[in-house]
Every structure is written in C-alpha cells, then in structure tokens.
C-alpha cells in the first residue's frame, strides 16, 4: 500500500481490539491516535504481536489488524473502488438519494492470530437520527470461510433498534469514549454463518447484529470495507467518535 502526502503514515504500537465490552487505552493503544483517525490513514496492530520490550514476535507483514479510516479519500485504488459504478449502482437500487462515505478500512484477519470481532451493531458506533441510515459494504478480497473468520449474523435483528451507544466523553476526560445503555446478550444459536467467495460483497444494515470468530487457520481473510450514510433528512450525532473535519467532510458517494 503506497502512501501519498495527504496520509498520516506514522507507525506506533497502537493495538486495536475488537472486543466492545469497554474501551480502554489497552484496547485502542493511544486513544487519541484512534479518535483522530477519521480523516487520516493510520495503522493498528493485532494483539500479541509485540513482546514486553515492544519488539515484534511475529513477521511484520502479519502484524497489522487494520488500516483506517480514510482510505476512500486518499488512496487512489480504494477511492476508485468506493466510487465505482457497481457500488453507486447498488446504492441507487436501494433508493439512496444523497449517500455520503463515513469511513473505510482494510481489515487483515491475519492467519493464526486474526482477532475475534464480538457481536455488535454498527449503529452503536455510527449513530444517526433517525436510525436505519447507515450501511456497511464489506468486500471480500479473499475467500471468507468458517475456518478463517467469516461473518455471522442474527437474521431479523435489524428490526429491534440498538441497546447502547458509544459516545465521546467531555473534553479533558479519559477514556475519550464511553458507552451509554446496556450491552445486550445474544443467543449463539441464532447466528447464521455467511461465508463469501473472493470478490463477493456483503451489505450490512447498521442495526443488524453480527460478529466474526478468531482466525486460527493458516489462511488470511483480507477485506476492504466502508460505511455509507443516507444524508438526506438525517442527523449525524455530534457524540459519535467519528466526525467530519474541515480537511475531510464526509464525501458524497455519487460522482460524475
């Protein structure tokens, strides 16, 4: 992945955890590095890739959890894919009038150590009024199987709203984000497996409950994913961790 002058390519030992029970500095590494990444390209490592001295204990090329959150704005390849006629066509078929791009990520799901993503709803983190205006597009760059950590969903769960939100805390407070509301317990037997072949696209409703398991296989599960929002008659919460900036307002999906 090449980086141009508009990206923030500073590497640090920032570990990204996909366990959503609580947010601490141990989970997000430098919390400021995470919360200010919405208009930048930044790098987040898997847990367990460093020893006590901060040295790699796995090959560097297998150390990253993800890259985010503005690939769609600064990397030509991902910008092209995000605004491609096929993606725009999907949005138009769904009746989206003024969709904008919120964030984008390359998720590695490294072989042997790719972390679990616990059950969650995207609207917990990307909250709108009214709800139902956010959708994830999840593009499989490799086969996503039960062995390497494909997605699982609870069918119909998008009809039940959300039980909690992650919000920014007041300035000068740590941690920089907190949860309001109660985490909901989910019956494992309700989850349905959703394997996807390389090149397949999964559309993820902002309120559907989904998760993925650890990757204990020898195969990676690379994904490019991004979220869009129907901006017409929609209020983006100022309490969300992710905020548009002067440098990068949420760009429109439709381009000429």
Protein backbone atom coordinates (compact mmCIF):
# COMPACT_ATOMS: atom_id res chain seq x y z
CA UNK A 1 0.00 0.00 0.00
CA UNK A 2 1.54 3.27 -1.09
CA UNK A 3 1.03 6.45 0.92
CA UNK A 4 0.73 9.92 -0.51
CA UNK A 5 1.28 13.28 1.13
CA UNK A 6 -2.30 13.50 2.38
CA UNK A 7 -1.98 10.47 4.65
CA UNK A 8 -0.72 10.18 8.18
CA UNK A 9 1.76 7.33 7.95
CA UNK A 10 3.14 7.48 11.49
CA UNK A 11 3.50 3.99 12.92
CA UNK A 12 3.28 3.39 16.63
CA UNK A 13 2.48 0.36 18.74
CA UNK A 14 -1.26 1.03 18.61
CA UNK A 15 -3.14 -2.20 19.19
CA UNK A 16 -6.72 -2.43 18.03
CA UNK A 17 -9.03 -4.77 19.88
CA UNK A 18 -12.42 -5.77 18.57
CA UNK A 19 -13.81 -6.62 21.99
CA UNK A 20 -16.51 -4.00 22.61
CA UNK A 21 -17.29 -4.62 26.29
CA UNK A 22 -15.40 -1.49 27.32
CA UNK A 23 -12.94 0.93 25.79
CA UNK A 24 -9.61 1.46 27.48
CA UNK A 25 -6.15 2.56 26.42
CA UNK A 26 -5.07 -1.07 26.40
CA UNK A 27 -7.66 -1.80 23.73
CA UNK A 28 -7.02 1.13 21.43
CA UNK A 29 -3.40 1.84 22.12
CA UNK A 30 -3.09 5.61 22.14
CA UNK A 31 -6.77 6.60 22.32
CA UNK A 32 -6.13 9.96 20.68
CA UNK A 33 -4.44 8.19 17.76
CA UNK A 34 -7.67 6.27 17.24
CA UNK A 35 -10.25 9.01 17.78
CA UNK A 36 -8.46 11.42 15.42
CA UNK A 37 -8.06 8.85 12.63
CA UNK A 38 -11.30 9.60 10.79
CA UNK A 39 -9.65 11.89 8.24
CA UNK A 40 -6.32 10.08 8.08
CA UNK A 41 -4.75 6.76 7.18
CA UNK A 42 -3.46 5.07 10.31
CA UNK A 43 -2.27 1.63 11.27
CA UNK A 44 -3.49 -0.63 14.07
CA UNK A 45 -1.73 -3.80 15.20
CA UNK A 46 -3.10 -7.11 16.34
CA UNK A 47 -2.86 -8.05 19.98
CA UNK A 48 0.05 -10.30 20.85
CA UNK A 49 2.44 -9.18 18.12
CA UNK A 50 4.92 -7.43 20.47
CA UNK A 51 6.97 -8.69 23.38
CA UNK A 52 7.43 -6.79 26.65
CA UNK A 53 10.15 -4.67 25.05
CA UNK A 54 7.97 -3.66 22.12
CA UNK A 55 9.75 -5.90 19.64
CA UNK A 56 7.87 -7.89 17.02
CA UNK A 57 7.35 -11.55 17.84
CA UNK A 58 5.57 -12.25 14.54
CA UNK A 59 6.62 -11.31 10.99
CA UNK A 60 5.92 -7.61 10.42
CA UNK A 61 3.84 -8.35 7.35
CA UNK A 62 1.44 -10.31 9.56
CA UNK A 63 1.27 -7.84 12.43
CA UNK A 64 -1.46 -5.43 11.34
CA UNK A 65 -5.09 -5.75 12.35
CA UNK A 66 -6.36 -2.99 10.09
CA UNK A 67 -5.66 0.26 8.28
CA UNK A 68 -8.20 3.08 8.56
CA UNK A 69 -10.18 5.20 8.37
CA UNK A 70 -9.86 7.37 5.23
CA UNK A 71 -8.58 5.05 2.51
CA UNK A 72 -11.55 6.12 0.40
CA UNK A 73 -10.30 9.70 0.36
CA UNK A 74 -6.53 9.40 -0.02
CA UNK A 75 -5.64 6.10 -1.66
CA UNK A 76 -6.47 6.15 -5.42
CA UNK A 77 -7.25 2.42 -5.66
CA UNK A 78 -9.70 2.42 -2.75
CA UNK A 79 -11.20 5.73 -3.86
CA UNK A 80 -11.84 4.19 -7.28
CA UNK A 81 -13.43 1.07 -5.81
CA UNK A 82 -15.58 3.02 -3.35
CA UNK A 83 -16.97 5.29 -6.07
CA UNK A 84 -17.17 2.58 -8.73
CA UNK A 85 -20.26 2.31 -10.95
CA UNK A 86 -21.14 -1.02 -9.33
CA UNK A 87 -21.13 0.45 -5.82
CA UNK A 88 -23.06 3.52 -6.95
CA UNK A 89 -25.50 1.22 -8.73
CA UNK A 90 -26.14 -0.74 -5.53
CA UNK A 91 -26.86 2.46 -3.63
CA UNK A 92 -29.23 3.71 -6.33
CA UNK A 93 -31.11 0.40 -6.41
CA UNK A 94 -31.59 0.76 -2.65
CA UNK A 95 -33.10 4.19 -3.21
CA UNK A 96 -30.34 6.22 -1.58
CA UNK A 97 -30.60 9.85 -2.68
CA UNK A 98 -27.58 11.59 -1.13
CA UNK A 99 -25.32 8.90 0.36
CA UNK A 100 -22.02 10.01 1.86
CA UNK A 101 -18.98 7.97 2.85
CA UNK A 102 -18.27 7.84 6.58
CA UNK A 103 -15.15 5.69 6.92
CA UNK A 104 -13.18 2.91 5.26
CA UNK A 105 -10.87 0.14 6.44
CA UNK A 106 -8.63 -2.60 5.15
CA UNK A 107 -9.04 -5.49 7.60
CA UNK A 108 -6.39 -8.19 7.51
CA UNK A 109 -7.67 -11.01 9.80
CA UNK A 110 -4.16 -12.40 9.97
CA UNK A 111 -3.61 -16.19 9.81
CA UNK A 112 -3.29 -17.74 13.23
CA UNK A 113 -3.79 -14.51 15.19
CA UNK A 114 -6.61 -12.57 13.50
CA UNK A 115 -8.72 -11.28 16.36
CA UNK A 116 -12.34 -12.05 17.17
CA UNK A 117 -14.94 -9.36 16.46
CA UNK A 118 -17.57 -9.76 19.16
CA UNK A 119 -21.28 -9.39 18.47
CA UNK A 120 -22.21 -5.77 17.80
CA UNK A 121 -24.30 -3.35 15.75
CA UNK A 122 -22.57 -0.72 13.65
CA UNK A 123 -25.13 1.90 14.71
CA UNK A 124 -23.74 1.64 18.23
CA UNK A 125 -20.68 3.44 16.91
CA UNK A 126 -22.17 5.27 13.89
CA UNK A 127 -25.38 6.69 15.33
CA UNK A 128 -27.92 8.68 13.33
CA UNK A 129 -31.33 10.18 13.90
CA UNK A 130 -33.40 8.52 12.68
CA UNK A 131 -31.77 5.12 12.78
CA UNK A 132 -31.57 2.99 9.67
CA UNK A 133 -29.47 5.41 7.62
CA UNK A 134 -26.09 3.65 7.82
CA UNK A 135 -24.96 0.66 5.78
CA UNK A 136 -21.66 -1.19 5.60
CA UNK A 137 -20.26 -2.60 2.37
CA UNK A 138 -17.90 -5.49 3.08
CA UNK A 139 -15.84 -6.64 0.08
CA UNK A 140 -14.09 -10.00 0.37
CA UNK A 141 -10.60 -9.78 -1.14
CA UNK A 142 -10.09 -13.47 -0.32
CA UNK A 143 -12.49 -16.31 0.38
CA UNK A 144 -14.10 -15.77 3.79
CA UNK A 145 -14.82 -19.17 5.32
CA UNK A 146 -15.82 -20.64 8.65
CA UNK A 147 -12.16 -21.52 9.20
CA UNK A 148 -10.62 -18.09 8.65
CA UNK A 149 -13.25 -15.91 10.34
CA UNK A 150 -16.19 -15.15 8.04
CA UNK A 151 -19.17 -13.11 9.24
CA UNK A 152 -22.09 -14.41 11.26
CA UNK A 153 -25.47 -12.63 11.50
CA UNK A 154 -28.66 -12.81 13.55
CA UNK A 155 -31.43 -12.62 10.92
CA UNK A 156 -34.07 -10.02 11.70
CA UNK A 157 -32.03 -8.33 14.42
CA UNK A 158 -32.02 -5.07 12.46
CA UNK A 159 -35.67 -4.60 13.43
CA UNK A 160 -35.04 -4.22 17.16
CA UNK A 161 -33.16 -0.93 17.36
CA UNK A 162 -29.98 -0.62 19.43
CA UNK A 163 -29.45 -1.06 23.15
CA UNK A 164 -26.40 1.16 23.64
CA UNK A 165 -24.19 3.78 22.04
CA UNK A 166 -20.52 4.63 22.13
CA UNK A 167 -20.13 8.38 22.66
CA UNK A 168 -17.34 10.91 23.08
CA UNK A 169 -16.74 11.96 26.67
CA UNK A 170 -16.38 15.64 27.65
CA UNK A 171 -13.06 17.29 26.68
CA UNK A 172 -10.29 16.54 29.15
CA UNK A 173 -11.91 13.27 30.21
CA UNK A 174 -10.32 9.84 29.94
CA UNK A 175 -11.20 7.50 28.39
CA UNK A 176 -12.09 9.56 25.34
CA UNK A 177 -15.18 7.45 24.66
CA UNK A 178 -17.70 5.65 26.82
CA UNK A 179 -20.87 3.61 26.41
CA UNK A 180 -24.38 4.63 27.35
CA UNK A 181 -27.07 1.98 27.62
CA UNK A 182 -26.71 -1.71 28.33
CA UNK A 183 -24.93 -4.35 26.30
CA UNK A 184 -27.38 -6.93 25.08
CA UNK A 185 -26.80 -10.66 25.43
CA UNK A 186 -27.16 -12.68 22.23
CA UNK A 187 -28.06 -16.33 21.81
CA UNK A 188 -25.23 -18.05 19.92
CA UNK A 189 -27.73 -20.42 18.33
CA UNK A 190 -29.41 -17.53 16.50
CA UNK A 191 -26.30 -16.64 14.50
CA UNK A 192 -26.21 -17.78 10.87
CA UNK A 193 -22.95 -18.38 9.03
CA UNK A 194 -22.27 -16.18 5.98
CA UNK A 195 -19.25 -17.44 4.01
CA UNK A 196 -18.34 -15.33 0.97
CA UNK A 197 -16.20 -16.04 -2.07
CA UNK A 198 -13.41 -13.71 -3.13
CA UNK A 199 -14.94 -10.70 -4.84
CA UNK A 200 -18.28 -11.02 -3.06
CA UNK A 201 -19.90 -8.01 -1.38
CA UNK A 202 -21.92 -8.16 1.82
CA UNK A 203 -24.33 -5.31 2.64
CA UNK A 204 -24.58 -4.81 6.39
CA UNK A 205 -27.56 -2.92 7.84
CA UNK A 206 -26.42 -0.58 10.59
CA UNK A 207 -28.57 -2.30 13.21
CA UNK A 208 -28.05 -5.96 12.33
CA UNK A 209 -26.16 -7.95 14.97
CA UNK A 210 -23.06 -9.57 13.52
CA UNK A 211 -19.70 -10.96 14.57
CA UNK A 212 -16.71 -12.97 13.38
CA UNK A 213 -14.51 -15.51 15.12
CA UNK A 214 -10.75 -15.58 15.56
CA UNK A 215 -8.76 -16.73 12.59
CA UNK A 216 -6.93 -19.82 13.79
CA UNK A 217 -6.34 -21.14 10.26
CA UNK A 218 -3.29 -20.74 8.05
CA UNK A 219 -5.23 -18.55 5.60
CA UNK A 220 -5.68 -14.79 5.86
CA UNK A 221 -9.09 -13.17 5.33
CA UNK A 222 -8.42 -9.77 3.78
CA UNK A 223 -11.37 -7.38 3.43
CA UNK A 224 -11.97 -3.84 2.23
CA UNK A 225 -14.98 -2.36 3.98
CA UNK A 226 -16.58 1.05 4.21
CA UNK A 227 -19.72 2.64 5.61
CA UNK A 228 -22.13 4.98 3.87
CA UNK A 229 -24.99 7.09 5.22
CA UNK A 230 -28.08 8.47 3.55
CA UNK A 231 -27.57 12.12 4.42
CA UNK A 232 -30.95 13.40 3.22
CA UNK A 233 -33.12 14.21 6.26
CA UNK A 234 -30.54 12.59 8.54
CA UNK A 235 -28.79 13.97 11.62
CA UNK A 236 -25.28 12.64 12.27
CA UNK A 237 -24.73 12.56 16.01
CA UNK A 238 -22.10 15.02 17.30
CA UNK A 239 -21.42 12.48 20.06
CA UNK A 240 -20.10 9.84 17.66
CA UNK A 241 -16.37 9.09 17.86
CA UNK A 242 -16.11 9.69 14.11
CA UNK A 243 -16.67 13.28 12.98
CA UNK A 244 -16.28 15.05 9.65
CA UNK A 245 -13.50 17.64 9.59
CA UNK A 246 -12.57 20.68 7.55
CA UNK A 247 -9.86 18.57 5.92
CA UNK A 248 -12.30 15.76 5.12
CA UNK A 249 -16.04 16.37 5.18
CA UNK A 250 -17.99 13.18 4.51
CA UNK A 251 -17.65 12.93 0.70
CA UNK A 252 -20.67 12.14 -1.47
CA UNK A 253 -20.75 8.62 -2.90
CA UNK A 254 -22.19 9.69 -6.24
CA UNK A 255 -19.65 11.25 -8.56
CA UNK A 256 -19.99 12.32 -12.17
